[in-house]
Amino acid sequence: MALPGIIRFVFLYVDEFLVNLPALFKLRAYYRQIKSHPSAGDPSVACVGENLDEVNGIALSSRIILRELRKQGRHVYIFGTAFHSKQPRREGPGDSVVMAPGRFSMEQAGYAASEVAMLRLDSFIEFLYRHPVDVIEFQTPGPVSVQCLVVAKFAGIKTVSHYRTDIITYSRLLVKNRLGVWIINTWTVLMTRWMGPVIVPSEAYRVKVREMGVPDRRIYKLPRGVDFANFHPDKAGNGAWQALRLPATGVKLLYVGRISREKNLDALADVFPALAARIPGLSLTIVGEGPYRKGLHERFAGRMDVHFTGVVQGENLAGVFASADMLVFPSLTDTFGNSVVEALASGIPCVTSNEGGPQEIIVNGECGLVFENGKPGDLEAKIAALACDPDRLQAFKSKARERALHFTYDRSAEAFWDFYRRYHQNRLD
């Protein structure tokens, strides 16, 4: 993010509001008219956010929740900006997914193939005329979300935020400029407070949102889910592991996720050589891409027992999960941890840290183990406790899918819709 680009971004951001001011007044009058007699029935809901046209967990889970709610006949939409290399478009039944044109974008600090964008505001105004919504859920407090938030507040539409990314921690890890960190964190805190009630995926992030100054009565933990039809122990037989030429024998460790510093992958790199020296045949497979892939590859240089696959998706990813022996997910910054649930659904246990949301997914000592971040040797000890004990590893595997079944999309969609309905009807506790 070069300074000239930031200056231009700010100038164009303000210009979008000035140019569209007359249209905003017309929209407010329109919404006051159509909402003058509030309905006690089901609401119409839009999910709005950044980077929804990219390959990431938020974009994927947003589309799956939309799919599940649409199956139930709910009026739900996704609105975001088209990635700079793609065409603006409408997708899905009833144009339920809208990727609108952006006006300007810049590379996002610390993330390859991602961008900070701004919206052509008239496209969101047009969307609100086409689909009059009662509730807007913002996925992140980024520039696009805040543009749409201002419009929603102006029109009198109820808003809620979903704290899905630990932006405050990410900024401290990825942004080198202290002023930049302060600006990002101040913006995040202020916008999160302004957006209304806050949805969190874990108790750990209920605490973090509370520390941002949001009253506890306005924080709601709602369950998340994964696709159990795709992730299953039987997928070990689909040949994906063999097709990637991964080791067929020995204890197979797996990491799946973005390869970036905030995932605490250096901790795994620190302990793996010692583990490999004491456990014959141990291997580590790293699935994913990210800005730290080159650095991590250098840390494992010359090792024949560490394998990088790049991005793996769909049936192949399901096969990789089911063919491994355990997932090691050392991240300290994940608000939930889709990979952890996907691993459990595939019948493999997980080793996670005691910071963030993933620790709440597993049952420590039954289908996974929690290591204490900052305690010397604890990550190595927890991995070894399973890798060196085949009977215990098998017992954990037998419990994994049973635990995963607590995180179904049906359960998640039902909880979210109940929340939307109660918020629309002014019945939140």
Protein backbone atom coordinates (compact mmCIF):
# COMPACT_ATOMS: atom_id res chain seq x y z
CA MET A 1 0.00 0.00 0.00
CA ALA A 2 2.02 2.97 -1.27
CA LEU A 3 1.17 6.42 0.08
CA PRO A 4 -0.01 7.85 -3.30
CA GLY A 5 -2.42 4.93 -3.62
CA ILE A 6 -3.76 5.48 -0.11
CA ILE A 7 -4.29 9.19 -0.77
CA ARG A 8 -6.13 8.42 -4.00
CA PHE A 9 -8.21 5.78 -2.21
CA VAL A 10 -9.31 8.28 0.47
CA PHE A 11 -10.13 10.95 -2.11
CA LEU A 12 -12.25 8.61 -4.24
CA TYR A 13 -13.90 7.14 -1.13
CA VAL A 14 -15.19 10.57 -0.08
CA ASP A 15 -16.12 11.39 -3.67
CA GLU A 16 -18.40 8.34 -3.87
CA PHE A 17 -20.56 9.72 -1.07
CA LEU A 18 -20.63 13.28 -2.44
CA VAL A 19 -21.60 12.16 -5.94
CA ASN A 20 -24.36 9.87 -4.64
CA LEU A 21 -25.78 12.19 -1.97
CA PRO A 22 -29.00 13.03 -3.90
CA ALA A 23 -29.58 9.31 -4.52
CA LEU A 24 -29.11 8.59 -0.80
CA PHE A 25 -31.89 11.03 0.13
CA LYS A 26 -34.21 9.41 -2.42
CA LEU A 27 -33.36 5.96 -1.06
CA ARG A 28 -34.12 7.07 2.50
CA ALA A 29 -37.52 8.40 1.43
CA TYR A 30 -38.23 5.15 -0.40
CA TYR A 31 -37.33 2.97 2.58
CA ARG A 32 -39.32 5.12 4.98
CA GLN A 33 -42.32 4.57 2.76
CA ILE A 34 -42.01 0.82 2.33
CA LYS A 35 -41.03 0.20 5.96
CA SER A 36 -43.67 2.46 7.48
CA HIS A 37 -45.64 -0.65 8.52
CA PRO A 38 -43.02 -3.12 9.83
CA SER A 39 -43.76 -6.77 9.14
CA ALA A 40 -43.92 -9.26 12.01
CA GLY A 41 -42.99 -12.07 9.60
CA ASP A 42 -39.69 -13.26 8.23
CA PRO A 43 -37.13 -10.65 7.20
CA SER A 44 -35.19 -10.23 3.99
CA VAL A 45 -31.45 -10.35 4.75
CA ALA A 46 -28.30 -9.31 2.90
CA CYS A 47 -24.77 -10.39 3.78
CA VAL A 48 -22.23 -7.75 2.76
CA GLY A 49 -18.46 -7.84 3.01
CA GLU A 50 -14.98 -7.58 1.57
CA ASN A 51 -13.19 -10.14 -0.60
CA LEU A 52 -16.33 -12.19 -1.22
CA ASP A 53 -15.20 -12.79 -4.82
CA GLU A 54 -11.98 -14.49 -3.70
CA VAL A 55 -11.15 -17.99 -2.45
CA ASN A 56 -11.36 -17.72 1.34
CA GLY A 57 -13.29 -19.17 4.25
CA ILE A 58 -15.66 -16.23 4.65
CA ALA A 59 -16.66 -16.22 0.97
CA LEU A 60 -17.20 -19.98 0.98
CA SER A 61 -19.17 -20.20 4.22
CA SER A 62 -21.32 -17.19 3.28
CA ARG A 63 -22.36 -18.90 0.05
CA ILE A 64 -23.10 -22.18 1.80
CA ILE A 65 -25.28 -20.53 4.46
CA LEU A 66 -27.08 -18.66 1.66
CA ARG A 67 -27.61 -21.97 -0.14
CA GLU A 68 -29.03 -23.64 2.98
CA LEU A 69 -31.36 -20.75 3.79
CA ARG A 70 -32.50 -20.47 0.17
CA LYS A 71 -33.44 -24.16 0.28
CA GLN A 72 -35.79 -23.23 3.12
CA GLY A 73 -37.38 -20.48 1.03
CA ARG A 74 -35.68 -17.61 2.89
CA HIS A 75 -34.95 -14.29 1.21
CA VAL A 76 -31.18 -14.02 1.63
CA TYR A 77 -28.62 -12.27 -0.56
CA ILE A 78 -24.86 -11.79 -0.78
CA PHE A 79 -23.45 -8.48 -1.95
CA GLY A 80 -19.78 -7.69 -2.55
CA THR A 81 -17.37 -6.25 -5.08
CA ALA A 82 -16.07 -8.19 -8.06
CA PHE A 83 -12.37 -8.98 -7.80
CA HIS A 84 -10.38 -6.68 -10.09
CA SER A 85 -9.62 -9.47 -12.57
CA LYS A 86 -13.26 -10.63 -12.82
CA GLN A 87 -16.40 -9.18 -14.36
CA PRO A 88 -19.21 -7.74 -12.20
CA ARG A 89 -22.12 -10.17 -12.27
CA ARG A 90 -25.25 -11.60 -10.67
CA GLU A 91 -25.48 -15.28 -9.82
CA GLY A 92 -27.83 -17.79 -8.25
CA PRO A 93 -31.61 -17.99 -8.03
CA GLY A 94 -33.24 -14.57 -7.96
CA ASP A 95 -29.85 -12.88 -8.45
CA SER A 96 -29.10 -13.88 -4.86
CA VAL A 97 -25.34 -13.28 -5.24
CA VAL A 98 -24.24 -9.89 -6.56
CA MET A 99 -20.60 -9.07 -7.28
CA ALA A 100 -20.77 -5.37 -8.09
CA PRO A 101 -18.23 -3.16 -9.86
CA GLY A 102 -15.50 -1.62 -7.74
CA ARG A 103 -14.15 1.86 -8.35
CA PHE A 104 -10.59 1.43 -7.06
CA SER A 105 -8.54 -1.23 -5.29
CA MET A 106 -5.09 -1.79 -3.82
CA GLU A 107 -3.13 -4.87 -2.79
CA GLN A 108 -3.95 -5.91 0.75
CA ALA A 109 -1.01 -5.75 3.16
CA GLY A 110 0.39 -9.19 3.92
CA TYR A 111 -1.91 -11.07 1.54
CA ALA A 112 -1.05 -12.10 -1.98
CA ALA A 113 -3.95 -12.28 -4.45
CA SER A 114 -6.19 -10.18 -2.21
CA GLU A 115 -7.23 -6.55 -2.33
CA VAL A 116 -8.63 -3.61 -0.42
CA ALA A 117 -11.39 -2.26 -2.61
CA MET A 118 -14.05 0.40 -2.72
CA LEU A 119 -17.47 0.09 -4.25
CA ARG A 120 -19.27 2.09 -6.90
CA LEU A 121 -21.94 3.15 -4.45
CA ASP A 122 -24.70 3.49 -7.03
CA SER A 123 -24.57 -0.32 -7.49
CA PHE A 124 -25.45 -0.90 -3.82
CA ILE A 125 -28.21 1.69 -3.96
CA GLU A 126 -29.61 -0.08 -7.03
CA PHE A 127 -29.35 -3.44 -5.17
CA LEU A 128 -31.41 -2.05 -2.27
CA TYR A 129 -34.14 -0.94 -4.65
CA ARG A 130 -34.16 -4.32 -6.37
CA HIS A 131 -34.11 -6.27 -3.10
CA PRO A 132 -35.58 -4.22 -0.21
CA VAL A 133 -33.92 -5.82 2.81
CA ASP A 134 -34.74 -5.63 6.51
CA VAL A 135 -31.38 -6.68 7.96
CA ILE A 136 -27.82 -6.37 6.67
CA GLU A 137 -25.06 -8.51 8.15
CA PHE A 138 -21.54 -7.16 7.60
CA GLN A 139 -18.83 -9.81 7.38
CA THR A 140 -15.89 -7.50 8.09
CA PRO A 141 -15.46 -3.80 8.98
CA GLY A 142 -13.56 -3.02 5.76
CA PRO A 143 -14.02 -0.11 3.32
CA VAL A 144 -16.78 -1.75 1.24
CA SER A 145 -18.71 -2.74 4.35
CA VAL A 146 -18.44 0.75 5.80
CA GLN A 147 -19.62 2.32 2.53
CA CYS A 148 -22.67 0.07 2.66
CA LEU A 149 -23.08 0.68 6.39
CA VAL A 150 -23.38 4.43 5.84
CA VAL A 151 -26.03 3.81 3.18
CA ALA A 152 -27.91 1.38 5.44
CA LYS A 153 -27.89 3.80 8.38
CA PHE A 154 -29.07 6.61 6.09
CA ALA A 155 -31.92 4.44 4.82
CA GLY A 156 -32.86 3.18 8.28
CA ILE A 157 -32.03 -0.50 7.65
CA LYS A 158 -31.08 -2.62 10.66
CA THR A 159 -27.45 -3.73 10.69
CA VAL A 160 -25.38 -6.35 12.48
CA SER A 161 -21.72 -7.36 12.20
CA HIS A 162 -20.05 -10.77 12.16
CA TYR A 163 -16.59 -10.72 13.77
CA ARG A 164 -15.04 -13.45 11.63
CA THR A 165 -11.47 -12.20 11.24
CA ASP A 166 -9.12 -11.15 14.04
CA ILE A 167 -8.17 -7.93 12.26
CA ILE A 168 -6.60 -6.37 15.35
CA THR A 169 -4.14 -9.23 15.82
CA TYR A 170 -3.51 -9.56 12.07
CA SER A 171 -2.59 -5.88 11.78
CA ARG A 172 -0.02 -6.19 14.57
CA LEU A 173 1.56 -9.18 12.87
CA LEU A 174 1.44 -8.03 9.25
CA VAL A 175 1.63 -4.22 9.21
CA LYS A 176 5.07 -2.83 9.99
CA ASN A 177 4.07 0.83 10.36
CA ARG A 178 2.87 1.68 13.90
CA LEU A 179 0.62 4.46 12.64
CA GLY A 180 -0.91 2.01 10.16
CA VAL A 181 -1.61 -0.48 12.95
CA TRP A 182 -3.24 2.23 15.07
CA ILE A 183 -5.43 3.42 12.18
CA ILE A 184 -6.57 -0.11 11.28
CA ASN A 185 -7.33 -1.05 14.89
CA THR A 186 -9.11 2.20 15.72
CA TRP A 187 -11.19 1.88 12.55
CA THR A 188 -12.04 -1.75 13.40
CA VAL A 189 -13.14 -0.94 16.95
CA LEU A 190 -15.24 2.09 15.97
CA MET A 191 -16.94 0.38 13.01
CA THR A 192 -17.65 -2.80 14.97
CA ARG A 193 -19.36 -0.73 17.67
CA TRP A 194 -21.36 1.24 15.07
CA MET A 195 -22.57 -1.76 13.09
CA GLY A 196 -24.88 -2.93 15.87
CA PRO A 197 -25.08 -6.36 17.54
CA VAL A 198 -22.03 -8.54 16.93
CA ILE A 199 -22.08 -12.22 15.97
CA VAL A 200 -19.05 -14.23 17.12
CA PRO A 201 -18.17 -17.88 16.37
CA SER A 202 -16.48 -18.69 19.69
CA GLU A 203 -16.31 -17.71 23.35
CA ALA A 204 -12.70 -16.61 22.88
CA TYR A 205 -13.86 -13.90 20.50
CA ARG A 206 -16.80 -12.93 22.65
CA VAL A 207 -14.11 -11.84 25.12
CA LYS A 208 -12.14 -9.98 22.43
CA VAL A 209 -15.21 -8.15 21.13
CA ARG A 210 -16.16 -7.24 24.70
CA GLU A 211 -12.66 -5.76 25.11
CA MET A 212 -13.42 -3.55 22.09
CA GLY A 213 -16.14 -1.86 24.12
CA VAL A 214 -19.18 -3.77 22.84
CA PRO A 215 -21.61 -4.56 25.69
CA ASP A 216 -21.95 -8.26 26.39
CA ARG A 217 -25.72 -8.08 25.82
CA ARG A 218 -25.02 -7.14 22.19
CA ILE A 219 -22.67 -10.06 21.49
CA TYR A 220 -24.20 -13.31 20.17
CA LYS A 221 -22.36 -16.59 19.68
CA LEU A 222 -23.88 -18.53 16.78
CA PRO A 223 -22.78 -22.00 15.62
CA ARG A 224 -20.88 -22.62 12.39
CA GLY A 225 -20.86 -25.73 10.23
CA VAL A 226 -19.18 -27.72 7.47
CA ASP A 227 -20.32 -29.89 4.57
CA PHE A 228 -20.54 -33.39 6.02
CA ALA A 229 -21.54 -34.90 2.69
CA ASN A 230 -18.10 -34.00 1.34
CA PHE A 231 -15.89 -34.59 4.38
CA HIS A 232 -16.09 -38.20 5.52
CA PRO A 233 -13.65 -40.97 6.59
CA ASP A 234 -14.64 -43.00 3.52
CA LYS A 235 -13.05 -40.36 1.27
CA ALA A 236 -9.66 -41.88 2.12
CA GLY A 237 -10.39 -44.32 -0.68
CA ASN A 238 -10.81 -41.75 -3.45
CA GLY A 239 -7.14 -41.80 -4.45
CA ALA A 240 -6.40 -38.11 -3.82
CA TRP A 241 -3.54 -38.83 -1.39
CA GLN A 242 -1.88 -41.20 -3.83
CA ALA A 243 -2.42 -38.85 -6.78
CA LEU A 244 -0.43 -36.16 -4.95
CA ARG A 245 2.34 -38.72 -4.33
CA LEU A 246 2.17 -38.31 -0.58
CA PRO A 247 3.71 -40.93 1.75
CA ALA A 248 1.70 -44.11 2.12
CA THR A 249 3.17 -45.27 5.43
CA GLY A 250 4.13 -43.80 8.78
CA VAL A 251 2.23 -41.26 10.88
CA LYS A 252 0.95 -38.54 8.55
CA LEU A 253 0.63 -35.01 9.97
CA LEU A 254 -1.45 -32.48 8.04
CA TYR A 255 -1.89 -28.71 7.99
CA VAL A 256 -4.65 -27.16 5.86
CA GLY A 257 -5.11 -23.41 5.59
CA ARG A 258 -3.56 -20.16 4.50
CA ILE A 259 0.22 -20.20 4.67
CA SER A 260 0.84 -16.95 6.49
CA ARG A 261 2.69 -15.84 9.59
CA GLU A 262 -0.42 -15.26 11.70
CA LYS A 263 -1.15 -19.00 11.48
CA ASN A 264 1.83 -19.63 13.81
CA LEU A 265 3.40 -22.06 11.35
CA ASP A 266 6.88 -21.21 12.63
CA ALA A 267 5.96 -23.06 15.82
CA LEU A 268 5.29 -26.19 13.76
CA ALA A 269 8.54 -25.69 11.83
CA ASP A 270 10.40 -25.38 15.13
CA VAL A 271 9.26 -28.74 16.51
CA PHE A 272 8.99 -30.94 13.43
CA PRO A 273 12.71 -31.83 13.03
CA ALA A 274 12.89 -33.14 16.60
CA LEU A 275 9.64 -35.06 16.15
CA ALA A 276 10.86 -36.62 12.91
CA ALA A 277 14.11 -37.68 14.61
CA ARG A 278 12.27 -39.59 17.34
CA ILE A 279 9.32 -40.98 15.29
CA PRO A 280 10.42 -43.07 12.27
CA GLY A 281 8.33 -42.50 9.15
CA LEU A 282 6.70 -39.29 10.41
CA SER A 283 5.71 -36.91 7.61
CA LEU A 284 4.09 -33.48 7.32
CA THR A 285 1.85 -32.36 4.45
CA ILE A 286 1.05 -28.66 4.10
CA VAL A 287 -2.02 -27.82 2.01
CA GLY A 288 -2.69 -24.24 0.93
CA GLU A 289 -1.08 -21.10 -0.39
CA GLY A 290 -0.20 -17.74 1.09
CA PRO A 291 2.41 -15.04 1.47
CA TYR A 292 4.61 -17.12 3.80
CA ARG A 293 4.87 -20.20 1.57
CA LYS A 294 8.35 -19.28 0.30
CA GLY A 295 9.62 -18.55 3.82
CA LEU A 296 8.17 -21.76 5.21
CA HIS A 297 9.54 -23.75 2.29
CA GLU A 298 12.98 -22.38 3.09
CA ARG A 299 12.61 -23.45 6.71
CA PHE A 300 11.99 -27.02 5.56
CA ALA A 301 14.61 -26.94 2.79
CA GLY A 302 16.14 -30.32 2.05
CA ARG A 303 13.58 -32.33 4.03
CA MET A 304 12.05 -35.23 2.13
CA ASP A 305 9.44 -35.77 4.85
CA VAL A 306 7.68 -32.39 4.35
CA HIS A 307 5.36 -31.93 1.37
CA PHE A 308 3.73 -28.79 -0.04
CA THR A 309 0.69 -29.43 -2.24
CA GLY A 310 -0.56 -25.92 -2.95
CA VAL A 311 -4.33 -25.36 -2.95
CA VAL A 312 -6.41 -28.55 -2.97
CA GLN A 313 -10.20 -28.37 -3.22
CA GLY A 314 -13.38 -30.42 -3.45
CA GLU A 315 -13.17 -34.21 -3.53
CA ASN A 316 -9.39 -34.12 -3.56
CA LEU A 317 -9.28 -32.09 -0.34
CA ALA A 318 -11.75 -34.49 1.28
CA GLY A 319 -9.48 -37.38 0.32
CA VAL A 320 -6.39 -35.67 1.72
CA PHE A 321 -8.10 -35.01 5.05
CA ALA A 322 -9.37 -38.57 5.41
CA SER A 323 -6.01 -40.10 4.48
CA ALA A 324 -4.00 -38.22 7.13
CA ASP A 325 -3.58 -39.29 10.76
CA MET A 326 -3.99 -35.94 12.47
CA LEU A 327 -4.38 -32.25 11.72
CA VAL A 328 -1.93 -29.88 13.40
CA PHE A 329 -3.46 -26.40 13.49
CA PRO A 330 -1.20 -24.10 15.53
CA SER A 331 -2.92 -20.81 14.68
CA LEU A 332 -3.38 -18.27 17.47
CA THR A 333 -5.70 -15.95 15.51
CA ASP A 334 -8.56 -18.02 14.06
CA THR A 335 -11.99 -17.00 15.27
CA PHE A 336 -13.37 -20.47 14.52
CA GLY A 337 -11.38 -22.96 12.41
CA ASN A 338 -13.21 -24.59 9.50
CA SER A 339 -10.22 -26.86 8.84
CA VAL A 340 -10.53 -28.31 12.34
CA VAL A 341 -14.18 -29.30 11.84
CA GLU A 342 -13.42 -30.64 8.36
CA ALA A 343 -10.65 -32.79 9.84
CA LEU A 344 -12.92 -34.15 12.57
CA ALA A 345 -15.64 -34.86 10.01
CA SER A 346 -13.03 -36.78 8.01
CA GLY A 347 -12.27 -38.95 11.04
CA ILE A 348 -8.92 -37.52 12.13
CA PRO A 349 -8.09 -35.83 15.47
CA CYS A 350 -6.58 -32.35 15.81
CA VAL A 351 -3.88 -30.63 17.81
CA THR A 352 -4.76 -26.95 18.32
CA SER A 353 -3.51 -24.03 20.39
CA ASN A 354 -5.09 -22.68 23.55
CA GLU A 355 -5.69 -19.31 21.88
CA GLY A 356 -8.57 -18.48 19.54
CA GLY A 357 -11.63 -20.45 18.49
CA PRO A 358 -10.32 -23.88 17.33
CA GLN A 359 -9.71 -25.09 20.90
CA GLU A 360 -13.48 -24.86 21.50
CA ILE A 361 -14.25 -27.18 18.59
CA ILE A 362 -12.42 -30.24 19.87
CA VAL A 363 -13.01 -32.09 23.13
CA ASN A 364 -9.56 -31.99 24.68
CA GLY A 365 -8.38 -35.50 25.50
CA GLU A 366 -11.06 -37.24 23.40
CA CYS A 367 -10.79 -36.18 19.76
CA GLY A 368 -7.86 -33.80 19.98
CA LEU A 369 -5.31 -32.12 22.20
CA VAL A 370 -4.75 -28.46 23.08
CA PHE A 371 -1.19 -27.21 23.44
CA GLU A 372 -0.32 -24.22 25.58
CA ASN A 373 1.14 -21.46 23.44
CA GLY A 374 4.34 -20.09 24.94
CA LYS A 375 5.03 -23.20 27.01
CA PRO A 376 8.34 -24.66 25.75
CA GLY A 377 8.00 -28.11 24.25
CA ASP A 378 4.23 -28.37 24.67
CA LEU A 379 3.32 -28.46 20.97
CA GLU A 380 5.93 -31.16 20.38
CA ALA A 381 4.69 -33.11 23.40
CA LYS A 382 1.05 -33.01 22.28
CA ILE A 383 1.85 -34.21 18.75
CA ALA A 384 4.10 -36.97 20.11
CA ALA A 385 1.43 -38.05 22.60
CA LEU A 386 -0.69 -39.20 19.65
CA ALA A 387 1.96 -40.04 17.07
CA CYS A 388 3.79 -42.37 19.48
CA ASP A 389 0.67 -44.12 20.75
CA PRO A 390 -1.20 -45.94 17.94
CA ASP A 391 -4.00 -47.15 20.25
CA ARG A 392 -4.67 -43.67 21.59
CA LEU A 393 -4.53 -42.21 18.08
CA GLN A 394 -7.11 -44.75 16.91
CA ALA A 395 -9.35 -44.02 19.91
CA PHE A 396 -9.24 -40.31 19.07
CA LYS A 397 -10.09 -41.06 15.44
CA SER A 398 -13.17 -43.01 16.52
CA LYS A 399 -14.44 -39.97 18.43
CA ALA A 400 -13.62 -37.36 15.80
CA ARG A 401 -16.63 -37.54 13.48
CA GLU A 402 -19.02 -37.87 16.41
CA ARG A 403 -17.78 -34.50 17.67
CA ALA A 404 -17.92 -32.94 14.21
CA LEU A 405 -21.62 -33.70 13.91
CA HIS A 406 -22.27 -30.85 16.37
CA PHE A 407 -21.32 -28.46 13.55
CA THR A 408 -23.83 -29.10 10.77
CA TYR A 409 -24.93 -26.51 8.23
CA ASP A 410 -28.55 -27.25 9.08
CA ARG A 411 -27.96 -26.33 12.72
CA SER A 412 -25.98 -23.25 11.76
CA ALA A 413 -28.56 -22.02 9.23
CA GLU A 414 -31.39 -22.53 11.73
CA ALA A 415 -29.56 -20.54 14.43
CA PHE A 416 -28.72 -17.69 12.08
CA TRP A 417 -32.26 -17.43 10.77
CA ASP A 418 -33.69 -17.41 14.27
CA PHE A 419 -31.29 -14.58 15.12
CA TYR A 420 -32.28 -12.57 12.00
CA ARG A 421 -35.98 -13.04 12.73
CA ARG A 422 -35.72 -12.00 16.36
CA TYR A 423 -33.60 -8.98 15.47
CA HIS A 424 -36.07 -7.94 12.77
CA GLN A 425 -38.94 -8.28 15.23
CA ASN A 426 -37.10 -6.45 18.06
CA ARG A 427 -37.10 -9.59 20.19
CA LEU A 428 -33.41 -10.07 20.91
CA ASP A 429 -32.59 -10.84 24.53
